[in-house]
Amino acid sequence: MNTVEINLEQTFAKKLGMRTTAMKLFRDLENETEAILDFKDIEFMSRSFAQEYVFQKHNSKVRIIESNMSDFVKGLLEVVEEDYKETCLS
């Protein structure tokens, strides 16, 4: 199994704000089988980033493992995930 680990703060920034950042993240993972995404030290995530992240995650063949999420990041992704399920999967 081909697994890559990415520290998001080191790769991008402490603040994940742009939709295009999530797109780039998943574009960079295209040839991977599994990815561990380390959210350590991420201070902020915009709803735009979160929406694109959830969309890309659902449409990717890569198995995503998330680690070190703050309560803020985890909460935002849970809200966006619920919205995604209600609007895209119904």
PDB file of N, CA and C in Angstrom:
ATOM      1  N   MET A   1       0.845  -1.173   0.000  1.00  0.00           N
ATOM      2  CA  MET A   1       0.000   0.000   0.000  1.00  0.00           C
ATOM      3  C   MET A   1       0.892   1.238   0.000  1.00  0.00           C
ATOM      4  N   ASN A   2       0.576   2.157  -0.856  1.00  0.00           N
ATOM      5  CA  ASN A   2       1.335   3.395  -0.998  1.00  0.00           C
ATOM      6  C   ASN A   2       0.715   4.474  -0.110  1.00  0.00           C
ATOM      7  N   THR A   3       1.405   4.805   1.010  1.00  0.00           N
ATOM      8  CA  THR A   3       0.882   5.784   1.955  1.00  0.00           C
ATOM      9  C   THR A   3       1.809   6.987   2.024  1.00  0.00           C
ATOM     10  N   VAL A   4       1.224   8.158   1.961  1.00  0.00           N
ATOM     11  CA  VAL A   4       1.983   9.396   2.090  1.00  0.00           C
ATOM     12  C   VAL A   4       1.436  10.154   3.299  1.00  0.00           C
ATOM     13  N   GLU A   5       2.324  10.836   4.020  1.00  0.00           N
ATOM     14  CA  GLU A   5       1.891  11.648   5.151  1.00  0.00           C
ATOM     15  C   GLU A   5       2.177  13.112   4.836  1.00  0.00           C
ATOM     16  N   ILE A   6       1.182  13.962   5.035  1.00  0.00           N
ATOM     17  CA  ILE A   6       1.314  15.385   4.723  1.00  0.00           C
ATOM     18  C   ILE A   6       0.965  16.215   5.945  1.00  0.00           C
ATOM     19  N   ASN A   7       1.916  17.033   6.359  1.00  0.00           N
ATOM     20  CA  ASN A   7       1.667  18.005   7.417  1.00  0.00           C
ATOM     21  C   ASN A   7       1.111  19.246   6.718  1.00  0.00           C
ATOM     22  N   LEU A   8      -0.175  19.520   6.912  1.00  0.00           N
ATOM     23  CA  LEU A   8      -0.835  20.607   6.178  1.00  0.00           C
ATOM     24  C   LEU A   8      -0.274  21.984   6.519  1.00  0.00           C
ATOM     25  N   GLU A   9       0.107  22.185   7.775  1.00  0.00           N
ATOM     26  CA  GLU A   9       0.658  23.482   8.176  1.00  0.00           C
ATOM     27  C   GLU A   9       1.991  23.737   7.476  1.00  0.00           C
ATOM     28  N   GLN A  10       2.833  22.726   7.386  1.00  0.00           N
ATOM     29  CA  GLN A  10       4.127  22.886   6.718  1.00  0.00           C
ATOM     30  C   GLN A  10       3.976  22.985   5.207  1.00  0.00           C
ATOM     31  N   THR A  11       3.008  22.263   4.648  1.00  0.00           N
ATOM     32  CA  THR A  11       2.821  22.247   3.200  1.00  0.00           C
ATOM     33  C   THR A  11       2.101  23.487   2.700  1.00  0.00           C
ATOM     34  N   PHE A  12       1.125  23.965   3.461  1.00  0.00           N
ATOM     35  CA  PHE A  12       0.326  25.115   3.016  1.00  0.00           C
ATOM     36  C   PHE A  12       0.492  26.310   3.958  1.00  0.00           C
ATOM     37  N   ALA A  13      -0.178  26.297   5.080  1.00  0.00           N
ATOM     38  CA  ALA A  13      -0.111  27.413   6.030  1.00  0.00           C
ATOM     39  C   ALA A  13      -0.899  27.042   7.274  1.00  0.00           C
ATOM     40  N   LYS A  14      -0.824  27.878   8.295  1.00  0.00           N
ATOM     41  CA  LYS A  14      -1.596  27.657   9.525  1.00  0.00           C
ATOM     42  C   LYS A  14      -3.082  27.916   9.297  1.00  0.00           C
ATOM     43  N   LYS A  15      -3.389  28.663   8.240  1.00  0.00           N
ATOM     44  CA  LYS A  15      -4.777  29.006   7.920  1.00  0.00           C
ATOM     45  C   LYS A  15      -5.111  28.453   6.543  1.00  0.00           C
ATOM     46  N   LEU A  16      -6.097  27.580   6.512  1.00  0.00           N
ATOM     47  CA  LEU A  16      -6.541  26.981   5.247  1.00  0.00           C
ATOM     48  C   LEU A  16      -7.790  27.729   4.804  1.00  0.00           C
ATOM     49  N   GLY A  17      -7.631  28.643   3.866  1.00  0.00           N
ATOM     50  CA  GLY A  17      -8.737  29.517   3.519  1.00  0.00           C
ATOM     51  C   GLY A  17      -9.276  29.376   2.110  1.00  0.00           C
ATOM     52  N   MET A  18      -8.466  28.948   1.190  1.00  0.00           N
ATOM     53  CA  MET A  18      -8.870  28.971  -0.214  1.00  0.00           C
ATOM     54  C   MET A  18      -9.353  27.605  -0.694  1.00  0.00           C
ATOM     55  N   ARG A  19     -10.423  27.630  -1.448  1.00  0.00           N
ATOM     56  CA  ARG A  19     -10.958  26.425  -2.091  1.00  0.00           C
ATOM     57  C   ARG A  19      -9.884  25.780  -2.972  1.00  0.00           C
ATOM     58  N   THR A  20      -9.104  26.624  -3.646  1.00  0.00           N
ATOM     59  CA  THR A  20      -8.069  26.108  -4.551  1.00  0.00           C
ATOM     60  C   THR A  20      -6.980  25.335  -3.801  1.00  0.00           C
ATOM     61  N   THR A  21      -6.772  25.644  -2.527  1.00  0.00           N
ATOM     62  CA  THR A  21      -5.797  24.900  -1.734  1.00  0.00           C
ATOM     63  C   THR A  21      -6.250  23.453  -1.554  1.00  0.00           C
ATOM     64  N   ALA A  22      -7.528  23.266  -1.275  1.00  0.00           N
ATOM     65  CA  ALA A  22      -8.060  21.900  -1.146  1.00  0.00           C
ATOM     66  C   ALA A  22      -7.974  21.169  -2.483  1.00  0.00           C
ATOM     67  N   MET A  23      -8.240  21.873  -3.564  1.00  0.00           N
ATOM     68  CA  MET A  23      -8.134  21.254  -4.887  1.00  0.00           C
ATOM     69  C   MET A  23      -6.699  20.813  -5.158  1.00  0.00           C
ATOM     70  N   LYS A  24      -5.726  21.660  -4.828  1.00  0.00           N
ATOM     71  CA  LYS A  24      -4.321  21.329  -5.039  1.00  0.00           C
ATOM     72  C   LYS A  24      -3.917  20.135  -4.182  1.00  0.00           C
ATOM     73  N   LEU A  25      -4.369  20.117  -2.933  1.00  0.00           N
ATOM     74  CA  LEU A  25      -4.060  19.003  -2.043  1.00  0.00           C
ATOM     75  C   LEU A  25      -4.468  17.680  -2.680  1.00  0.00           C
ATOM     76  N   PHE A  26      -5.690  17.590  -3.152  1.00  0.00           N
ATOM     77  CA  PHE A  26      -6.169  16.329  -3.719  1.00  0.00           C
ATOM     78  C   PHE A  26      -5.557  16.048  -5.088  1.00  0.00           C
ATOM     79  N   ARG A  27      -5.226  17.084  -5.831  1.00  0.00           N
ATOM     80  CA  ARG A  27      -4.535  16.886  -7.111  1.00  0.00           C
ATOM     81  C   ARG A  27      -3.157  16.265  -6.851  1.00  0.00           C
ATOM     82  N   ASP A  28      -2.494  16.716  -5.788  1.00  0.00           N
ATOM     83  CA  ASP A  28      -1.182  16.167  -5.436  1.00  0.00           C
ATOM     84  C   ASP A  28      -1.262  14.715  -4.943  1.00  0.00           C
ATOM     85  N   LEU A  29      -2.443  14.289  -4.515  1.00  0.00           N
ATOM     86  CA  LEU A  29      -2.628  12.934  -3.998  1.00  0.00           C
ATOM     87  C   LEU A  29      -3.105  11.936  -5.047  1.00  0.00           C
ATOM     88  N   GLU A  30      -3.314  12.376  -6.268  1.00  0.00           N
ATOM     89  CA  GLU A  30      -3.916  11.536  -7.306  1.00  0.00           C
ATOM     90  C   GLU A  30      -3.269  10.159  -7.459  1.00  0.00           C
ATOM     91  N   ASN A  31      -1.961  10.072  -7.301  1.00  0.00           N
ATOM     92  CA  ASN A  31      -1.262   8.803  -7.537  1.00  0.00           C
ATOM     93  C   ASN A  31      -1.030   7.995  -6.264  1.00  0.00           C
ATOM     94  N   GLU A  32      -1.632   8.434  -5.179  1.00  0.00           N
ATOM     95  CA  GLU A  32      -1.455   7.748  -3.903  1.00  0.00           C
ATOM     96  C   GLU A  32      -2.622   6.795  -3.644  1.00  0.00           C
ATOM     97  N   THR A  33      -2.397   5.828  -2.791  1.00  0.00           N
ATOM     98  CA  THR A  33      -3.435   4.895  -2.375  1.00  0.00           C
ATOM     99  C   THR A  33      -4.065   5.351  -1.066  1.00  0.00           C
ATOM    100  N   GLU A  34      -3.204   5.862  -0.181  1.00  0.00           N
ATOM    101  CA  GLU A  34      -3.643   6.260   1.153  1.00  0.00           C
ATOM    102  C   GLU A  34      -2.849   7.501   1.565  1.00  0.00           C
ATOM    103  N   ALA A  35      -3.515   8.421   2.261  1.00  0.00           N
ATOM    104  CA  ALA A  35      -2.845   9.638   2.721  1.00  0.00           C
ATOM    105  C   ALA A  35      -3.224   9.922   4.163  1.00  0.00           C
ATOM    106  N   ILE A  36      -2.212  10.216   4.961  1.00  0.00           N
ATOM    107  CA  ILE A  36      -2.426  10.668   6.328  1.00  0.00           C
ATOM    108  C   ILE A  36      -2.249  12.179   6.305  1.00  0.00           C
ATOM    109  N   LEU A  37      -3.326  12.890   6.618  1.00  0.00           N
ATOM    110  CA  LEU A  37      -3.294  14.351   6.621  1.00  0.00           C
ATOM    111  C   LEU A  37      -3.209  14.826   8.061  1.00  0.00           C
ATOM    112  N   ASP A  38      -2.100  15.466   8.374  1.00  0.00           N
ATOM    113  CA  ASP A  38      -1.832  15.936   9.734  1.00  0.00           C
ATOM    114  C   ASP A  38      -2.266  17.396   9.848  1.00  0.00           C
ATOM    115  N   PHE A  39      -3.295  17.636  10.659  1.00  0.00           N
ATOM    116  CA  PHE A  39      -3.845  18.975  10.850  1.00  0.00           C
ATOM    117  C   PHE A  39      -3.204  19.705  12.032  1.00  0.00           C
ATOM    118  N   LYS A  40      -2.103  19.179  12.562  1.00  0.00           N
ATOM    119  CA  LYS A  40      -1.439  19.802  13.710  1.00  0.00           C
ATOM    120  C   LYS A  40      -1.083  21.255  13.384  1.00  0.00           C
ATOM    121  N   ASP A  41      -1.375  22.149  14.315  1.00  0.00           N
ATOM    122  CA  ASP A  41      -1.069  23.582  14.219  1.00  0.00           C
ATOM    123  C   ASP A  41      -1.916  24.340  13.188  1.00  0.00           C
ATOM    124  N   ILE A  42      -2.955  23.722  12.647  1.00  0.00           N
ATOM    125  CA  ILE A  42      -3.873  24.461  11.790  1.00  0.00           C
ATOM    126  C   ILE A  42      -4.754  25.310  12.706  1.00  0.00           C
ATOM    127  N   GLU A  43      -4.675  26.623  12.543  1.00  0.00           N
ATOM    128  CA  GLU A  43      -5.381  27.559  13.417  1.00  0.00           C
ATOM    129  C   GLU A  43      -6.758  27.949  12.889  1.00  0.00           C
ATOM    130  N   PHE A  44      -6.932  27.863  11.582  1.00  0.00           N
ATOM    131  CA  PHE A  44      -8.185  28.318  10.967  1.00  0.00           C
ATOM    132  C   PHE A  44      -8.447  27.535   9.687  1.00  0.00           C
ATOM    133  N   MET A  45      -9.711  27.269   9.439  1.00  0.00           N
ATOM    134  CA  MET A  45     -10.135  26.666   8.180  1.00  0.00           C
ATOM    135  C   MET A  45     -11.411  27.380   7.754  1.00  0.00           C
ATOM    136  N   SER A  46     -11.418  27.908   6.540  1.00  0.00           N
ATOM    137  CA  SER A  46     -12.617  28.588   6.055  1.00  0.00           C
ATOM    138  C   SER A  46     -13.665  27.568   5.639  1.00  0.00           C
ATOM    139  N   ARG A  47     -14.888  28.008   5.587  1.00  0.00           N
ATOM    140  CA  ARG A  47     -15.964  27.128   5.128  1.00  0.00           C
ATOM    141  C   ARG A  47     -15.743  26.755   3.658  1.00  0.00           C
ATOM    142  N   SER A  48     -15.205  27.675   2.878  1.00  0.00           N
ATOM    143  CA  SER A  48     -14.922  27.383   1.463  1.00  0.00           C
ATOM    144  C   SER A  48     -13.926  26.237   1.330  1.00  0.00           C
ATOM    145  N   PHE A  49     -12.840  26.297   2.109  1.00  0.00           N
ATOM    146  CA  PHE A  49     -11.864  25.212   2.081  1.00  0.00           C
ATOM    147  C   PHE A  49     -12.529  23.917   2.524  1.00  0.00           C
ATOM    148  N   ALA A  50     -13.285  23.979   3.611  1.00  0.00           N
ATOM    149  CA  ALA A  50     -13.925  22.780   4.160  1.00  0.00           C
ATOM    150  C   ALA A  50     -14.891  22.158   3.143  1.00  0.00           C
ATOM    151  N   GLN A  51     -15.664  22.990   2.449  1.00  0.00           N
ATOM    152  CA  GLN A  51     -16.603  22.462   1.457  1.00  0.00           C
ATOM    153  C   GLN A  51     -15.865  21.765   0.317  1.00  0.00           C
ATOM    154  N   GLU A  52     -14.818  22.381  -0.180  1.00  0.00           N
ATOM    155  CA  GLU A  52     -14.052  21.757  -1.268  1.00  0.00           C
ATOM    156  C   GLU A  52     -13.338  20.501  -0.786  1.00  0.00           C
ATOM    157  N   TYR A  53     -12.826  20.537   0.436  1.00  0.00           N
ATOM    158  CA  TYR A  53     -12.143  19.376   1.021  1.00  0.00           C
ATOM    159  C   TYR A  53     -13.101  18.186   1.090  1.00  0.00           C
ATOM    160  N   VAL A  54     -14.294  18.407   1.610  1.00  0.00           N
ATOM    161  CA  VAL A  54     -15.279  17.328   1.739  1.00  0.00           C
ATOM    162  C   VAL A  54     -15.672  16.811   0.355  1.00  0.00           C
ATOM    163  N   PHE A  55     -15.904  17.709  -0.589  1.00  0.00           N
ATOM    164  CA  PHE A  55     -16.256  17.302  -1.944  1.00  0.00           C
ATOM    165  C   PHE A  55     -15.142  16.450  -2.557  1.00  0.00           C
ATOM    166  N   GLN A  56     -13.910  16.929  -2.465  1.00  0.00           N
ATOM    167  CA  GLN A  56     -12.772  16.202  -3.038  1.00  0.00           C
ATOM    168  C   GLN A  56     -12.581  14.845  -2.352  1.00  0.00           C
ATOM    169  N   LYS A  57     -12.747  14.824  -1.046  1.00  0.00           N
ATOM    170  CA  LYS A  57     -12.581  13.582  -0.294  1.00  0.00           C
ATOM    171  C   LYS A  57     -13.588  12.530  -0.746  1.00  0.00           C
ATOM    172  N   HIS A  58     -14.822  12.954  -0.973  1.00  0.00           N
ATOM    173  CA  HIS A  58     -15.857  12.016  -1.411  1.00  0.00           C
ATOM    174  C   HIS A  58     -15.642  11.537  -2.841  1.00  0.00           C
ATOM    175  N   ASN A  59     -14.944  12.316  -3.633  1.00  0.00           N
ATOM    176  CA  ASN A  59     -14.763  11.980  -5.044  1.00  0.00           C
ATOM    177  C   ASN A  59     -13.362  11.472  -5.363  1.00  0.00           C
ATOM    178  N   SER A  60     -12.583  11.211  -4.341  1.00  0.00           N
ATOM    179  CA  SER A  60     -11.218  10.723  -4.517  1.00  0.00           C
ATOM    180  C   SER A  60     -11.166   9.219  -4.272  1.00  0.00           C
ATOM    181  N   LYS A  61     -10.254   8.564  -4.938  1.00  0.00           N
ATOM    182  CA  LYS A  61     -10.038   7.133  -4.721  1.00  0.00           C
ATOM    183  C   LYS A  61      -9.037   6.894  -3.589  1.00  0.00           C
ATOM    184  N   VAL A  62      -8.450   7.969  -3.093  1.00  0.00           N
ATOM    185  CA  VAL A  62      -7.445   7.874  -2.036  1.00  0.00           C
ATOM    186  C   VAL A  62      -8.129   7.708  -0.688  1.00  0.00           C
ATOM    187  N   ARG A  63      -7.645   6.777   0.113  1.00  0.00           N
ATOM    188  CA  ARG A  63      -8.145   6.605   1.479  1.00  0.00           C
ATOM    189  C   ARG A  63      -7.496   7.695   2.328  1.00  0.00           C
ATOM    190  N   ILE A  64      -8.320   8.540   2.941  1.00  0.00           N
ATOM    191  CA  ILE A  64      -7.830   9.671   3.721  1.00  0.00           C
ATOM    192  C   ILE A  64      -7.935   9.353   5.208  1.00  0.00           C
ATOM    193  N   ILE A  65      -6.821   9.546   5.905  1.00  0.00           N
ATOM    194  CA  ILE A  65      -6.780   9.411   7.361  1.00  0.00           C
ATOM    195  C   ILE A  65      -6.406  10.781   7.911  1.00  0.00           C
ATOM    196  N   GLU A  66      -7.240  11.314   8.780  1.00  0.00           N
ATOM    197  CA  GLU A  66      -7.015  12.653   9.322  1.00  0.00           C
ATOM    198  C   GLU A  66      -6.494  12.537  10.752  1.00  0.00           C
ATOM    199  N   SER A  67      -5.480  13.329  11.086  1.00  0.00           N
ATOM    200  CA  SER A  67      -4.928  13.289  12.433  1.00  0.00           C
ATOM    201  C   SER A  67      -4.732  14.700  12.981  1.00  0.00           C
ATOM    202  N   ASN A  68      -4.714  14.772  14.301  1.00  0.00           N
ATOM    203  CA  ASN A  68      -4.416  16.011  15.032  1.00  0.00           C
ATOM    204  C   ASN A  68      -5.328  17.184  14.683  1.00  0.00           C
ATOM    205  N   MET A  69      -6.614  16.914  14.523  1.00  0.00           N
ATOM    206  CA  MET A  69      -7.566  17.993  14.239  1.00  0.00           C
ATOM    207  C   MET A  69      -7.959  18.705  15.526  1.00  0.00           C
ATOM    208  N   SER A  70      -8.000  20.013  15.470  1.00  0.00           N
ATOM    209  CA  SER A  70      -8.508  20.779  16.606  1.00  0.00           C
ATOM    210  C   SER A  70     -10.025  20.608  16.661  1.00  0.00           C
ATOM    211  N   ASP A  71     -10.615  20.966  17.775  1.00  0.00           N
ATOM    212  CA  ASP A  71     -12.073  20.889  17.890  1.00  0.00           C
ATOM    213  C   ASP A  71     -12.751  21.777  16.857  1.00  0.00           C
ATOM    214  N   PHE A  72     -12.159  22.946  16.589  1.00  0.00           N
ATOM    215  CA  PHE A  72     -12.719  23.863  15.593  1.00  0.00           C
ATOM    216  C   PHE A  72     -12.757  23.220  14.207  1.00  0.00           C
ATOM    217  N   VAL A  73     -11.634  22.673  13.780  1.00  0.00           N
ATOM    218  CA  VAL A  73     -11.546  22.053  12.454  1.00  0.00           C
ATOM    219  C   VAL A  73     -12.480  20.854  12.371  1.00  0.00           C
ATOM    220  N   LYS A  74     -12.451  20.016  13.389  1.00  0.00           N
ATOM    221  CA  LYS A  74     -13.311  18.831  13.411  1.00  0.00           C
ATOM    222  C   LYS A  74     -14.788  19.230  13.340  1.00  0.00           C
ATOM    223  N   GLY A  75     -15.168  20.230  14.108  1.00  0.00           N
ATOM    224  CA  GLY A  75     -16.559  20.689  14.127  1.00  0.00           C
ATOM    225  C   GLY A  75     -16.999  21.242  12.780  1.00  0.00           C
ATOM    226  N   LEU A  76     -16.150  22.054  12.166  1.00  0.00           N
ATOM    227  CA  LEU A  76     -16.492  22.628  10.867  1.00  0.00           C
ATOM    228  C   LEU A  76     -16.642  21.534   9.818  1.00  0.00           C
ATOM    229  N   LEU A  77     -15.725  20.584   9.814  1.00  0.00           N
ATOM    230  CA  LEU A  77     -15.825  19.496   8.830  1.00  0.00           C
ATOM    231  C   LEU A  77     -17.065  18.639   9.059  1.00  0.00           C
ATOM    232  N   GLU A  78     -17.462  18.448  10.300  1.00  0.00           N
ATOM    233  CA  GLU A  78     -18.686  17.688  10.582  1.00  0.00           C
ATOM    234  C   GLU A  78     -19.914  18.416  10.047  1.00  0.00           C
ATOM    235  N   VAL A  79     -19.986  19.732  10.231  1.00  0.00           N
ATOM    236  CA  VAL A  79     -21.116  20.525   9.729  1.00  0.00           C
ATOM    237  C   VAL A  79     -21.164  20.464   8.210  1.00  0.00           C
ATOM    238  N   VAL A  80     -20.028  20.648   7.578  1.00  0.00           N
ATOM    239  CA  VAL A  80     -19.967  20.627   6.116  1.00  0.00           C
ATOM    240  C   VAL A  80     -20.286  19.236   5.585  1.00  0.00           C
ATOM    241  N   GLU A  81     -19.832  18.206   6.265  1.00  0.00           N
ATOM    242  CA  GLU A  81     -20.127  16.818   5.869  1.00  0.00           C
ATOM    243  C   GLU A  81     -21.637  16.568   5.891  1.00  0.00           C
ATOM    244  N   GLU A  82     -22.300  17.045   6.925  1.00  0.00           N
ATOM    245  CA  GLU A  82     -23.766  16.904   7.009  1.00  0.00           C
ATOM    246  C   GLU A  82     -24.448  17.629   5.858  1.00  0.00           C
ATOM    247  N   ASP A  83     -24.004  18.855   5.571  1.00  0.00           N
ATOM    248  CA  ASP A  83     -24.560  19.615   4.445  1.00  0.00           C
ATOM    249  C   ASP A  83     -24.352  18.856   3.136  1.00  0.00           C
ATOM    250  N   TYR A  84     -23.160  18.299   2.968  1.00  0.00           N
ATOM    251  CA  TYR A  84     -22.847  17.546   1.755  1.00  0.00           C
ATOM    252  C   TYR A  84     -23.778  16.354   1.603  1.00  0.00           C
ATOM    253  N   LYS A  85     -23.963  15.616   2.676  1.00  0.00           N
ATOM    254  CA  LYS A  85     -24.838  14.436   2.635  1.00  0.00           C
ATOM    255  C   LYS A  85     -26.270  14.824   2.291  1.00  0.00           C
ATOM    256  N   GLU A  86     -26.742  15.929   2.851  1.00  0.00           N
ATOM    257  CA  GLU A  86     -28.121  16.374   2.610  1.00  0.00           C
ATOM    258  C   GLU A  86     -28.312  16.868   1.177  1.00  0.00           C
ATOM    259  N   THR A  87     -27.320  17.542   0.620  1.00  0.00           N
ATOM    260  CA  THR A  87     -27.512  18.140  -0.700  1.00  0.00           C
ATOM    261  C   THR A  87     -26.988  17.297  -1.859  1.00  0.00           C
ATOM    262  N   CYS A  88     -25.900  16.609  -1.648  1.00  0.00           N
ATOM    263  CA  CYS A  88     -25.267  15.892  -2.762  1.00  0.00           C
ATOM    264  C   CYS A  88     -25.597  14.415  -2.838  1.00  0.00           C
ATOM    265  N   LEU A  89     -25.943  13.829  -1.731  1.00  0.00           N
ATOM    266  CA  LEU A  89     -26.183  12.390  -1.724  1.00  0.00           C
ATOM    267  C   LEU A  89     -27.650  12.020  -1.703  1.00  0.00           C
ATOM    268  N   SER A  90     -28.538  13.037  -1.674  1.00  0.00           N
ATOM    269  CA  SER A  90     -29.965  12.699  -1.632  1.00  0.00           C
ATOM    270  C   SER A  90     -30.541  12.494  -3.008  1.00  0.00           C
TER     271      SER A  90
END
